[in-house]
Protein backbone atom coordinates (compact mmCIF):
# COMPACT_ATOMS: atom_id res chain seq x y z
CA UNK A 1 112.89 98.80 65.98
CA UNK A 2 116.04 100.83 65.35
CA UNK A 3 116.75 104.24 66.86
CA UNK A 4 115.62 106.21 63.79
CA UNK A 5 112.25 104.40 63.69
CA UNK A 6 111.79 104.86 67.45
CA UNK A 7 112.46 108.59 67.13
CA UNK A 8 110.06 108.85 64.17
CA UNK A 9 107.28 107.26 66.25
CA UNK A 10 108.04 109.68 69.10
CA UNK A 11 108.06 112.63 66.67
CA UNK A 12 104.70 111.60 65.19
CA UNK A 13 103.14 111.16 68.62
CA UNK A 14 104.32 114.62 69.71
CA UNK A 15 102.92 116.16 66.53
CA UNK A 16 99.57 114.44 67.11
CA UNK A 17 99.51 115.75 70.70
CA UNK A 18 100.21 119.28 69.44
CA UNK A 19 97.42 118.93 66.88
CA UNK A 20 95.04 117.72 69.61
CA UNK A 21 95.78 120.84 71.69
CA UNK A 22 95.06 123.08 68.70
CA UNK A 23 91.76 121.27 68.04
CA UNK A 24 90.77 121.51 71.70
CA UNK A 25 91.49 125.25 71.64
CA UNK A 26 89.26 125.65 68.59
CA UNK A 27 86.43 123.61 70.07
CA UNK A 28 86.39 125.42 73.40
CA UNK A 29 87.14 128.85 72.02
CA UNK A 30 89.70 129.22 74.80
CA UNK A 31 93.40 129.30 74.00
CA UNK A 32 95.40 127.49 76.67
CA UNK A 33 98.78 129.06 75.95
CA UNK A 34 100.59 126.90 78.51
CA UNK A 35 99.40 123.67 76.90
CA UNK A 36 99.99 125.06 73.41
CA UNK A 37 103.57 126.15 74.14
CA UNK A 38 104.35 122.91 75.96
CA UNK A 39 102.99 120.76 73.13
CA UNK A 40 104.78 122.91 70.54
CA UNK A 41 108.10 122.61 72.37
CA UNK A 42 107.70 118.84 72.75
CA UNK A 43 106.88 118.49 69.05
CA UNK A 44 109.84 120.63 68.01
CA UNK A 45 112.20 118.76 70.32
CA UNK A 46 111.04 115.36 69.04
CA UNK A 47 111.38 116.52 65.43
CA UNK A 48 114.90 117.86 66.02
CA UNK A 49 115.98 114.60 67.70
CA UNK A 50 114.69 112.62 64.72
CA UNK A 51 116.21 115.06 62.21
CA UNK A 52 119.64 114.90 63.85
CA UNK A 53 119.53 111.09 63.97
CA UNK A 54 118.45 111.02 60.31
CA UNK A 55 121.32 113.29 59.31
CA UNK A 56 123.80 111.09 61.18
CA UNK A 57 122.36 107.95 59.59
CA UNK A 58 122.40 109.45 56.11
CA UNK A 59 125.83 111.02 56.57
CA UNK A 60 127.32 107.71 57.62
CA UNK A 61 126.18 106.18 54.32
CA UNK A 62 128.29 108.54 52.20
CA UNK A 63 131.94 108.34 51.41
CA UNK A 64 132.95 111.99 51.49
CA UNK A 65 136.23 111.30 49.71
CA UNK A 66 134.61 110.28 46.42
CA UNK A 67 132.04 111.84 44.14
CA UNK A 68 130.26 110.67 41.02
CA UNK A 69 131.72 111.55 37.61
CA UNK A 70 128.23 111.94 36.13
CA UNK A 71 126.90 114.69 38.39
CA UNK A 72 129.32 115.24 41.27
CA UNK A 73 127.02 113.76 43.91
CA UNK A 74 128.39 111.75 46.82
CA UNK A 75 128.94 108.03 46.53
CA UNK A 76 127.05 105.68 48.83
CA UNK A 77 129.03 102.96 50.60
CA UNK A 78 127.78 100.44 48.06
CA UNK A 79 129.40 102.44 45.22
CA UNK A 80 126.09 103.89 44.06
CA UNK A 81 125.66 107.54 43.07
CA UNK A 82 123.56 109.37 45.68
CA UNK A 83 121.80 111.42 42.99
CA UNK A 84 120.86 108.94 40.27
CA UNK A 85 121.16 105.72 42.31
CA UNK A 86 123.21 103.96 39.62
CA UNK A 87 126.72 102.54 39.68
CA UNK A 88 128.51 105.55 38.21
CA UNK A 89 132.20 106.13 37.58
CA UNK A 90 134.01 107.89 40.38
CA UNK A 91 135.35 111.35 39.63
CA UNK A 92 139.12 111.38 39.58
CA UNK A 93 141.02 114.63 40.17
CA UNK A 94 143.77 113.39 37.84
CA UNK A 95 141.44 113.57 34.81
């Protein structure tokens, strides 16, 4: 399991724990603010860790020097347009 998948599992588990606290609060009619805030912070932290890793993973797949001639989107390492996922011509500033 790669880092992104591991962080996604952690993010999902934290969200499920947060949801469980909310359900418990509804069932008991008592709002445990300490548990709610703690679960919320853990869920937010796990989501941010996953989001940052996702952005790094996605960003590393783009060549920022080139863009597609068809729509101006970035070009993936494989030479594929990030918008239409086709092999598009590369925009040339000399044109």
